[in-house]
Amino acid sequence: MMGNETDYQLLCEQMEEMLNTEYWYVSAMSNAAALLWQFIPDINWAGFYIMRHGTLHIGPFQGKPACIHISPGKGVCGVAVEKDEVQLVPDVHKFPGHIACDAVSCSEIVIPIHRRETGAVKAVLDIDSPLKDRFTLEDREGLEKFCRMLEEKLIW
C-alpha cells in the first residue's frame, strides 16, 4: 500500500471475525472503531453516533472528545441521517452547518447504519481527517461494505 490506501478486504475480514464472537452493538462498535483507527491512515477521529429518542448520541470512538448530541439535519452526521445517504465531504469548512468538534478536521465521511429488522437509520459511522480531500470513492465503497457487515450482525 502507498499513500493513504487502506486494505478494506483485510479490514472487513478482521471485523467479520470479531462479529462472529460478539454481536452486541456496544462491544462490536468499540472494536470496529479501534480497527478503523488502526487501519486507516491520516485520520483524527473514527467512531459511531447512535440514534436514541430521535437524536444522535455519541457512541464508541477513537480520537479526541467529540460532540455528545447531534440532531437530524445538523452537521454532516445529521444530514447523513436526515437524507439516509453517505456524506463524503472533501472540505468540511465549505459544508453548510458543519459542527466543528475538532478544529483540526478538514474532511469527513459519514455512513448511515440501518437496523436490520426495520431498515431505519440506527447509527452512523463518522470518520474525520485533518487533510482536505482525504476520502476517496474507494474509501466510500470499502466503508459501506464494512457498515453493511455491521447491519447484518449487530444486536441492538
N, C-alpha and C. Protein backbone atom coordinates (compact mmCIF):
# COMPACT_ATOMS: atom_id res chain seq x y z
N MET A 1 0.83 -1.19 0.00
CA MET A 1 0.00 0.00 0.00
C MET A 1 0.87 1.25 0.00
N MET A 2 0.40 2.25 -0.71
CA MET A 2 1.11 3.51 -0.75
C MET A 2 0.15 4.62 -0.36
N GLY A 3 0.70 5.72 0.12
CA GLY A 3 -0.13 6.87 0.46
C GLY A 3 -1.14 6.52 1.53
N ASN A 4 -2.39 6.93 1.30
CA ASN A 4 -3.41 6.69 2.31
C ASN A 4 -4.37 5.59 1.88
N GLU A 5 -3.89 4.62 1.12
CA GLU A 5 -4.72 3.50 0.72
C GLU A 5 -4.96 2.58 1.92
N THR A 6 -6.11 1.97 1.94
CA THR A 6 -6.49 1.07 3.02
C THR A 6 -6.88 -0.27 2.42
N ASP A 7 -6.45 -1.34 3.07
CA ASP A 7 -6.80 -2.69 2.63
C ASP A 7 -8.17 -3.03 3.23
N TYR A 8 -9.23 -2.65 2.52
CA TYR A 8 -10.57 -2.85 3.04
C TYR A 8 -10.96 -4.31 3.11
N GLN A 9 -10.42 -5.13 2.24
CA GLN A 9 -10.72 -6.56 2.32
C GLN A 9 -10.22 -7.13 3.64
N LEU A 10 -8.99 -6.82 4.01
CA LEU A 10 -8.44 -7.30 5.28
C LEU A 10 -9.19 -6.69 6.46
N LEU A 11 -9.51 -5.41 6.38
CA LEU A 11 -10.27 -4.75 7.44
C LEU A 11 -11.60 -5.46 7.65
N CYS A 12 -12.31 -5.75 6.58
CA CYS A 12 -13.61 -6.42 6.68
C CYS A 12 -13.47 -7.86 7.19
N GLU A 13 -12.42 -8.54 6.77
CA GLU A 13 -12.20 -9.91 7.27
C GLU A 13 -11.98 -9.91 8.77
N GLN A 14 -11.19 -8.97 9.26
CA GLN A 14 -10.93 -8.90 10.71
C GLN A 14 -12.20 -8.52 11.47
N MET A 15 -12.99 -7.60 10.91
CA MET A 15 -14.23 -7.23 11.59
C MET A 15 -15.20 -8.39 11.59
N GLU A 16 -15.27 -9.13 10.50
CA GLU A 16 -16.16 -10.28 10.43
C GLU A 16 -15.81 -11.31 11.51
N GLU A 17 -14.52 -11.56 11.73
CA GLU A 17 -14.10 -12.48 12.78
C GLU A 17 -14.55 -11.99 14.15
N MET A 18 -14.41 -10.70 14.39
CA MET A 18 -14.86 -10.15 15.67
C MET A 18 -16.37 -10.26 15.82
N LEU A 19 -17.10 -10.03 14.73
CA LEU A 19 -18.56 -10.11 14.78
C LEU A 19 -19.05 -11.53 14.96
N ASN A 20 -18.24 -12.50 14.61
CA ASN A 20 -18.63 -13.90 14.81
C ASN A 20 -18.64 -14.29 16.28
N THR A 21 -17.98 -13.47 17.12
CA THR A 21 -17.94 -13.79 18.55
C THR A 21 -18.69 -12.78 19.41
N GLU A 22 -19.04 -11.62 18.85
CA GLU A 22 -19.74 -10.60 19.65
C GLU A 22 -20.63 -9.77 18.75
N TYR A 23 -21.95 -9.84 19.00
CA TYR A 23 -22.93 -9.11 18.21
C TYR A 23 -23.50 -7.88 18.91
N TRP A 24 -23.28 -7.78 20.23
CA TRP A 24 -23.86 -6.65 20.96
C TRP A 24 -23.24 -5.37 20.43
N TYR A 25 -24.07 -4.40 20.08
CA TYR A 25 -23.61 -3.22 19.36
C TYR A 25 -22.51 -2.43 20.09
N VAL A 26 -22.55 -2.32 21.39
CA VAL A 26 -21.54 -1.54 22.11
C VAL A 26 -20.16 -2.19 21.98
N SER A 27 -20.09 -3.48 22.24
CA SER A 27 -18.80 -4.19 22.13
C SER A 27 -18.32 -4.22 20.68
N ALA A 28 -19.22 -4.55 19.76
CA ALA A 28 -18.84 -4.64 18.35
C ALA A 28 -18.38 -3.29 17.81
N MET A 29 -19.10 -2.23 18.14
CA MET A 29 -18.72 -0.89 17.65
C MET A 29 -17.42 -0.41 18.29
N SER A 30 -17.17 -0.82 19.53
CA SER A 30 -15.91 -0.45 20.18
C SER A 30 -14.73 -1.04 19.42
N ASN A 31 -14.82 -2.33 19.11
CA ASN A 31 -13.75 -2.96 18.34
C ASN A 31 -13.70 -2.43 16.92
N ALA A 32 -14.85 -2.11 16.33
CA ALA A 32 -14.87 -1.56 14.99
C ALA A 32 -14.15 -0.22 14.94
N ALA A 33 -14.41 0.65 15.91
CA ALA A 33 -13.73 1.95 15.95
C ALA A 33 -12.22 1.77 16.10
N ALA A 34 -11.82 0.83 16.94
CA ALA A 34 -10.38 0.57 17.13
C ALA A 34 -9.74 0.04 15.84
N LEU A 35 -10.45 -0.85 15.14
CA LEU A 35 -9.92 -1.37 13.87
C LEU A 35 -9.77 -0.26 12.84
N LEU A 36 -10.78 0.57 12.71
CA LEU A 36 -10.71 1.68 11.76
C LEU A 36 -9.55 2.60 12.09
N TRP A 37 -9.38 2.88 13.37
CA TRP A 37 -8.29 3.75 13.83
C TRP A 37 -6.94 3.15 13.46
N GLN A 38 -6.83 1.83 13.59
CA GLN A 38 -5.58 1.13 13.29
C GLN A 38 -5.32 1.05 11.78
N PHE A 39 -6.36 0.82 10.98
CA PHE A 39 -6.19 0.53 9.56
C PHE A 39 -6.15 1.76 8.66
N ILE A 40 -6.86 2.81 9.01
CA ILE A 40 -7.00 3.94 8.09
C ILE A 40 -6.02 5.05 8.45
N PRO A 41 -5.09 5.33 7.56
CA PRO A 41 -4.11 6.39 7.84
C PRO A 41 -4.71 7.79 7.67
N ASP A 42 -4.06 8.74 8.27
CA ASP A 42 -4.40 10.16 8.11
C ASP A 42 -5.81 10.50 8.56
N ILE A 43 -6.21 9.94 9.71
CA ILE A 43 -7.50 10.32 10.29
C ILE A 43 -7.25 10.81 11.72
N ASN A 44 -8.19 11.60 12.22
CA ASN A 44 -8.07 12.09 13.60
C ASN A 44 -9.30 11.75 14.45
N TRP A 45 -10.27 11.03 13.85
CA TRP A 45 -11.44 10.59 14.63
C TRP A 45 -12.13 9.49 13.85
N ALA A 46 -12.51 8.43 14.54
CA ALA A 46 -13.26 7.33 13.92
C ALA A 46 -14.21 6.77 14.96
N GLY A 47 -15.49 6.78 14.65
CA GLY A 47 -16.43 6.25 15.62
C GLY A 47 -17.86 6.31 15.15
N PHE A 48 -18.75 6.16 16.12
CA PHE A 48 -20.17 5.99 15.84
C PHE A 48 -21.00 6.96 16.65
N TYR A 49 -22.09 7.40 16.03
CA TYR A 49 -23.17 8.08 16.73
C TYR A 49 -24.39 7.18 16.60
N ILE A 50 -25.13 7.01 17.68
CA ILE A 50 -26.25 6.08 17.74
C ILE A 50 -27.55 6.85 17.95
N MET A 51 -28.57 6.52 17.15
CA MET A 51 -29.88 7.17 17.28
C MET A 51 -30.54 6.72 18.58
N ARG A 52 -31.01 7.70 19.34
CA ARG A 52 -31.72 7.44 20.59
C ARG A 52 -32.70 8.57 20.80
N HIS A 53 -33.99 8.24 20.88
CA HIS A 53 -35.04 9.25 21.07
C HIS A 53 -34.98 10.35 20.01
N GLY A 54 -34.69 9.96 18.75
CA GLY A 54 -34.72 10.89 17.64
C GLY A 54 -33.49 11.77 17.47
N THR A 55 -32.45 11.52 18.28
CA THR A 55 -31.23 12.32 18.22
C THR A 55 -30.02 11.39 18.19
N LEU A 56 -28.97 11.81 17.49
CA LEU A 56 -27.73 11.04 17.51
C LEU A 56 -27.00 11.30 18.83
N HIS A 57 -26.54 10.23 19.46
CA HIS A 57 -25.75 10.31 20.70
C HIS A 57 -24.39 9.67 20.44
N ILE A 58 -23.37 10.23 21.02
CA ILE A 58 -22.02 9.69 20.82
C ILE A 58 -21.97 8.24 21.26
N GLY A 59 -21.29 7.43 20.46
CA GLY A 59 -21.10 6.02 20.76
C GLY A 59 -19.61 5.72 20.84
N PRO A 60 -19.23 4.46 20.71
CA PRO A 60 -17.82 4.09 20.76
C PRO A 60 -17.01 4.83 19.68
N PHE A 61 -15.82 5.31 20.07
CA PHE A 61 -14.98 6.03 19.11
C PHE A 61 -13.52 5.99 19.53
N GLN A 62 -12.66 6.43 18.62
CA GLN A 62 -11.24 6.65 18.86
C GLN A 62 -10.95 8.08 18.42
N GLY A 63 -10.26 8.83 19.25
CA GLY A 63 -9.92 10.22 18.92
C GLY A 63 -10.20 11.12 20.10
N LYS A 64 -10.16 12.44 19.83
CA LYS A 64 -10.42 13.44 20.86
C LYS A 64 -11.89 13.42 21.25
N PRO A 65 -12.21 13.95 22.44
CA PRO A 65 -13.62 14.07 22.81
C PRO A 65 -14.41 14.79 21.71
N ALA A 66 -15.68 14.42 21.57
CA ALA A 66 -16.48 14.94 20.47
C ALA A 66 -17.85 15.40 20.96
N CYS A 67 -18.62 15.95 20.04
CA CYS A 67 -19.99 16.39 20.34
C CYS A 67 -20.78 15.21 20.89
N ILE A 68 -21.62 15.47 21.86
CA ILE A 68 -22.37 14.39 22.51
C ILE A 68 -23.69 14.14 21.80
N HIS A 69 -24.40 15.19 21.40
CA HIS A 69 -25.71 15.05 20.75
C HIS A 69 -25.70 15.80 19.41
N ILE A 70 -26.29 15.18 18.40
CA ILE A 70 -26.43 15.83 17.09
C ILE A 70 -27.85 15.57 16.59
N SER A 71 -28.55 16.62 16.26
CA SER A 71 -29.92 16.49 15.76
C SER A 71 -29.91 16.14 14.27
N PRO A 72 -30.90 15.37 13.82
CA PRO A 72 -31.01 15.11 12.38
C PRO A 72 -31.05 16.43 11.61
N GLY A 73 -30.31 16.47 10.50
CA GLY A 73 -30.24 17.67 9.68
C GLY A 73 -29.14 18.64 10.07
N LYS A 74 -28.51 18.42 11.22
CA LYS A 74 -27.45 19.32 11.70
C LYS A 74 -26.08 18.69 11.46
N GLY A 75 -25.16 19.44 10.88
CA GLY A 75 -23.82 18.95 10.62
C GLY A 75 -23.82 17.80 9.62
N VAL A 76 -22.65 17.25 9.37
CA VAL A 76 -22.50 16.18 8.39
C VAL A 76 -23.24 14.93 8.86
N CYS A 77 -23.10 14.57 10.13
CA CYS A 77 -23.77 13.37 10.65
C CYS A 77 -25.28 13.51 10.59
N GLY A 78 -25.80 14.65 10.99
CA GLY A 78 -27.23 14.87 10.99
C GLY A 78 -27.82 14.86 9.59
N VAL A 79 -27.08 15.39 8.61
CA VAL A 79 -27.54 15.37 7.23
C VAL A 79 -27.55 13.93 6.71
N ALA A 80 -26.53 13.15 7.07
CA ALA A 80 -26.49 11.73 6.66
C ALA A 80 -27.73 10.99 7.16
N VAL A 81 -28.16 11.29 8.39
CA VAL A 81 -29.35 10.66 8.96
C VAL A 81 -30.61 11.17 8.25
N GLU A 82 -30.73 12.48 8.13
CA GLU A 82 -31.93 13.07 7.54
C GLU A 82 -32.15 12.60 6.09
N LYS A 83 -31.07 12.53 5.32
CA LYS A 83 -31.18 12.12 3.91
C LYS A 83 -31.02 10.61 3.74
N ASP A 84 -30.56 9.93 4.79
CA ASP A 84 -30.27 8.50 4.73
C ASP A 84 -29.35 8.19 3.55
N GLU A 85 -28.25 8.95 3.50
CA GLU A 85 -27.26 8.71 2.45
C GLU A 85 -25.86 9.10 2.92
N VAL A 86 -24.87 8.46 2.31
CA VAL A 86 -23.47 8.71 2.64
C VAL A 86 -23.14 10.16 2.36
N GLN A 87 -22.37 10.74 3.27
CA GLN A 87 -21.85 12.09 3.08
C GLN A 87 -20.32 12.00 2.98
N LEU A 88 -19.78 12.29 1.82
CA LEU A 88 -18.33 12.33 1.62
C LEU A 88 -17.98 13.79 1.38
N VAL A 89 -17.34 14.40 2.37
CA VAL A 89 -17.13 15.85 2.36
C VAL A 89 -15.63 16.15 2.23
N PRO A 90 -15.20 16.66 1.07
CA PRO A 90 -13.78 16.93 0.86
C PRO A 90 -13.23 18.08 1.70
N ASP A 91 -14.10 19.06 2.03
CA ASP A 91 -13.68 20.21 2.83
C ASP A 91 -14.84 20.59 3.75
N VAL A 92 -14.74 20.20 5.02
CA VAL A 92 -15.84 20.44 5.96
C VAL A 92 -16.10 21.93 6.18
N HIS A 93 -15.10 22.77 5.93
CA HIS A 93 -15.28 24.21 6.14
C HIS A 93 -16.21 24.81 5.10
N LYS A 94 -16.47 24.09 4.03
CA LYS A 94 -17.40 24.54 3.00
C LYS A 94 -18.77 23.86 3.12
N PHE A 95 -18.94 22.99 4.14
CA PHE A 95 -20.20 22.27 4.33
C PHE A 95 -21.13 23.14 5.17
N PRO A 96 -22.30 23.51 4.63
CA PRO A 96 -23.22 24.36 5.40
C PRO A 96 -23.63 23.72 6.73
N GLY A 97 -23.43 24.44 7.81
CA GLY A 97 -23.84 23.95 9.12
C GLY A 97 -22.89 22.94 9.75
N HIS A 98 -21.67 22.83 9.22
CA HIS A 98 -20.71 21.88 9.79
C HIS A 98 -20.52 22.15 11.29
N ILE A 99 -20.49 21.08 12.07
CA ILE A 99 -20.26 21.18 13.51
C ILE A 99 -18.79 20.88 13.75
N ALA A 100 -18.04 21.85 14.25
CA ALA A 100 -16.60 21.69 14.43
C ALA A 100 -16.30 21.17 15.83
N CYS A 101 -16.35 19.84 16.00
CA CYS A 101 -15.97 19.24 17.28
C CYS A 101 -14.46 19.35 17.48
N ASP A 102 -13.70 19.27 16.38
CA ASP A 102 -12.25 19.37 16.40
C ASP A 102 -11.85 20.30 15.27
N ALA A 103 -11.29 21.46 15.60
CA ALA A 103 -10.95 22.46 14.60
C ALA A 103 -9.91 21.95 13.59
N VAL A 104 -9.22 20.88 13.92
CA VAL A 104 -8.19 20.33 13.02
C VAL A 104 -8.81 19.55 11.86
N SER A 105 -10.03 19.06 12.03
CA SER A 105 -10.67 18.26 10.98
C SER A 105 -10.90 19.09 9.73
N CYS A 106 -10.58 18.50 8.57
CA CYS A 106 -10.77 19.18 7.29
C CYS A 106 -11.66 18.41 6.33
N SER A 107 -11.70 17.09 6.43
CA SER A 107 -12.58 16.29 5.57
C SER A 107 -13.25 15.22 6.42
N GLU A 108 -14.35 14.67 5.87
CA GLU A 108 -15.15 13.76 6.68
C GLU A 108 -15.95 12.83 5.77
N ILE A 109 -16.18 11.62 6.28
CA ILE A 109 -17.09 10.70 5.63
C ILE A 109 -18.03 10.14 6.70
N VAL A 110 -19.31 10.11 6.38
CA VAL A 110 -20.32 9.62 7.32
C VAL A 110 -21.22 8.64 6.56
N ILE A 111 -21.42 7.46 7.15
CA ILE A 111 -22.21 6.41 6.51
C ILE A 111 -23.33 5.97 7.45
N PRO A 112 -24.58 6.06 7.00
CA PRO A 112 -25.69 5.57 7.82
C PRO A 112 -25.62 4.06 8.01
N ILE A 113 -26.02 3.62 9.20
CA ILE A 113 -26.11 2.20 9.53
C ILE A 113 -27.56 1.94 9.92
N HIS A 114 -28.14 0.92 9.29
CA HIS A 114 -29.57 0.65 9.46
C HIS A 114 -29.83 -0.53 10.38
N ARG A 115 -30.94 -0.46 11.06
CA ARG A 115 -31.39 -1.59 11.87
C ARG A 115 -31.93 -2.66 10.91
N ARG A 116 -31.39 -3.83 11.02
CA ARG A 116 -31.72 -4.94 10.11
C ARG A 116 -33.22 -5.19 10.05
N GLU A 117 -33.88 -5.18 11.18
CA GLU A 117 -35.29 -5.55 11.25
C GLU A 117 -36.23 -4.52 10.61
N THR A 118 -35.88 -3.24 10.68
CA THR A 118 -36.80 -2.20 10.23
C THR A 118 -36.29 -1.39 9.04
N GLY A 119 -35.00 -1.39 8.83
CA GLY A 119 -34.42 -0.58 7.76
C GLY A 119 -34.21 0.88 8.16
N ALA A 120 -34.60 1.24 9.38
CA ALA A 120 -34.43 2.61 9.86
C ALA A 120 -32.96 2.88 10.19
N VAL A 121 -32.55 4.14 10.03
CA VAL A 121 -31.19 4.51 10.41
C VAL A 121 -31.07 4.39 11.93
N LYS A 122 -30.14 3.58 12.38
CA LYS A 122 -29.94 3.34 13.81
C LYS A 122 -28.66 4.00 14.32
N ALA A 123 -27.70 4.25 13.40
CA ALA A 123 -26.43 4.84 13.80
C ALA A 123 -25.74 5.39 12.55
N VAL A 124 -24.65 6.09 12.76
CA VAL A 124 -23.77 6.48 11.65
C VAL A 124 -22.33 6.17 12.03
N LEU A 125 -21.57 5.81 11.03
CA LEU A 125 -20.11 5.74 11.16
C LEU A 125 -19.59 7.10 10.72
N ASP A 126 -18.74 7.70 11.52
CA ASP A 126 -18.20 9.03 11.24
C ASP A 126 -16.68 8.94 11.31
N ILE A 127 -16.00 9.37 10.25
CA ILE A 127 -14.54 9.38 10.23
C ILE A 127 -14.09 10.75 9.75
N ASP A 128 -13.19 11.37 10.50
CA ASP A 128 -12.66 12.70 10.19
C ASP A 128 -11.17 12.61 9.88
N SER A 129 -10.70 13.57 9.08
CA SER A 129 -9.28 13.65 8.75
C SER A 129 -8.81 15.10 8.84
N PRO A 130 -7.56 15.31 9.24
CA PRO A 130 -7.02 16.66 9.22
C PRO A 130 -6.61 17.10 7.81
N LEU A 131 -6.73 16.20 6.82
CA LEU A 131 -6.37 16.51 5.43
C LEU A 131 -7.62 16.81 4.61
N LYS A 132 -7.55 17.82 3.76
CA LYS A 132 -8.64 18.04 2.81
C LYS A 132 -8.59 16.94 1.76
N ASP A 133 -9.75 16.60 1.22
CA ASP A 133 -9.86 15.59 0.16
C ASP A 133 -9.28 14.24 0.56
N ARG A 134 -9.34 13.88 1.84
CA ARG A 134 -8.74 12.64 2.30
C ARG A 134 -9.49 11.40 1.80
N PHE A 135 -10.81 11.46 1.72
CA PHE A 135 -11.60 10.27 1.44
C PHE A 135 -11.95 10.16 -0.04
N THR A 136 -11.76 8.95 -0.57
CA THR A 136 -11.96 8.67 -1.99
C THR A 136 -13.20 7.80 -2.18
N LEU A 137 -13.54 7.56 -3.44
CA LEU A 137 -14.64 6.63 -3.72
C LEU A 137 -14.29 5.23 -3.26
N GLU A 138 -13.01 4.86 -3.32
CA GLU A 138 -12.58 3.56 -2.80
C GLU A 138 -12.82 3.48 -1.30
N ASP A 139 -12.52 4.55 -0.58
CA ASP A 139 -12.81 4.59 0.86
C ASP A 139 -14.32 4.42 1.09
N ARG A 140 -15.11 5.14 0.32
CA ARG A 140 -16.57 5.07 0.46
C ARG A 140 -17.05 3.63 0.26
N GLU A 141 -16.62 2.99 -0.82
CA GLU A 141 -17.05 1.62 -1.10
C GLU A 141 -16.61 0.65 -0.01
N GLY A 142 -15.36 0.77 0.43
CA GLY A 142 -14.85 -0.11 1.49
C GLY A 142 -15.58 0.08 2.80
N LEU A 143 -15.85 1.32 3.15
CA LEU A 143 -16.52 1.62 4.41
C LEU A 143 -18.01 1.26 4.36
N GLU A 144 -18.63 1.40 3.18
CA GLU A 144 -20.01 0.96 3.05
C GLU A 144 -20.11 -0.56 3.24
N LYS A 145 -19.17 -1.29 2.69
CA LYS A 145 -19.15 -2.75 2.88
C LYS A 145 -18.98 -3.08 4.37
N PHE A 146 -18.09 -2.37 5.02
CA PHE A 146 -17.83 -2.53 6.45
C PHE A 146 -19.13 -2.30 7.23
N CYS A 147 -19.86 -1.23 6.90
CA CYS A 147 -21.11 -0.91 7.61
C CYS A 147 -22.21 -1.92 7.31
N ARG A 148 -22.26 -2.45 6.10
CA ARG A 148 -23.27 -3.47 5.78
C ARG A 148 -23.04 -4.73 6.63
N MET A 149 -21.78 -5.06 6.90
CA MET A 149 -21.49 -6.19 7.79
C MET A 149 -22.04 -5.92 9.18
N LEU A 150 -21.86 -4.71 9.67
CA LEU A 150 -22.39 -4.36 10.98
C LEU A 150 -23.92 -4.47 10.99
N GLU A 151 -24.55 -3.98 9.94
CA GLU A 151 -26.01 -4.05 9.86
C GLU A 151 -26.51 -5.49 9.94
N GLU A 152 -25.82 -6.37 9.28
CA GLU A 152 -26.23 -7.79 9.26
C GLU A 152 -26.08 -8.48 10.60
N LYS A 153 -25.11 -8.05 11.41
CA LYS A 153 -24.75 -8.82 12.61
C LYS A 153 -25.16 -8.19 13.94
N LEU A 154 -25.25 -6.87 13.99
CA LEU A 154 -25.43 -6.21 15.30
C LEU A 154 -26.78 -6.54 15.93
N ILE A 155 -26.74 -6.69 17.24
CA ILE A 155 -27.93 -6.84 18.06
C ILE A 155 -28.09 -5.54 18.86
N TRP A 156 -29.21 -4.86 18.64
CA TRP A 156 -29.46 -3.58 19.31
C TRP A 156 -30.21 -3.81 20.59
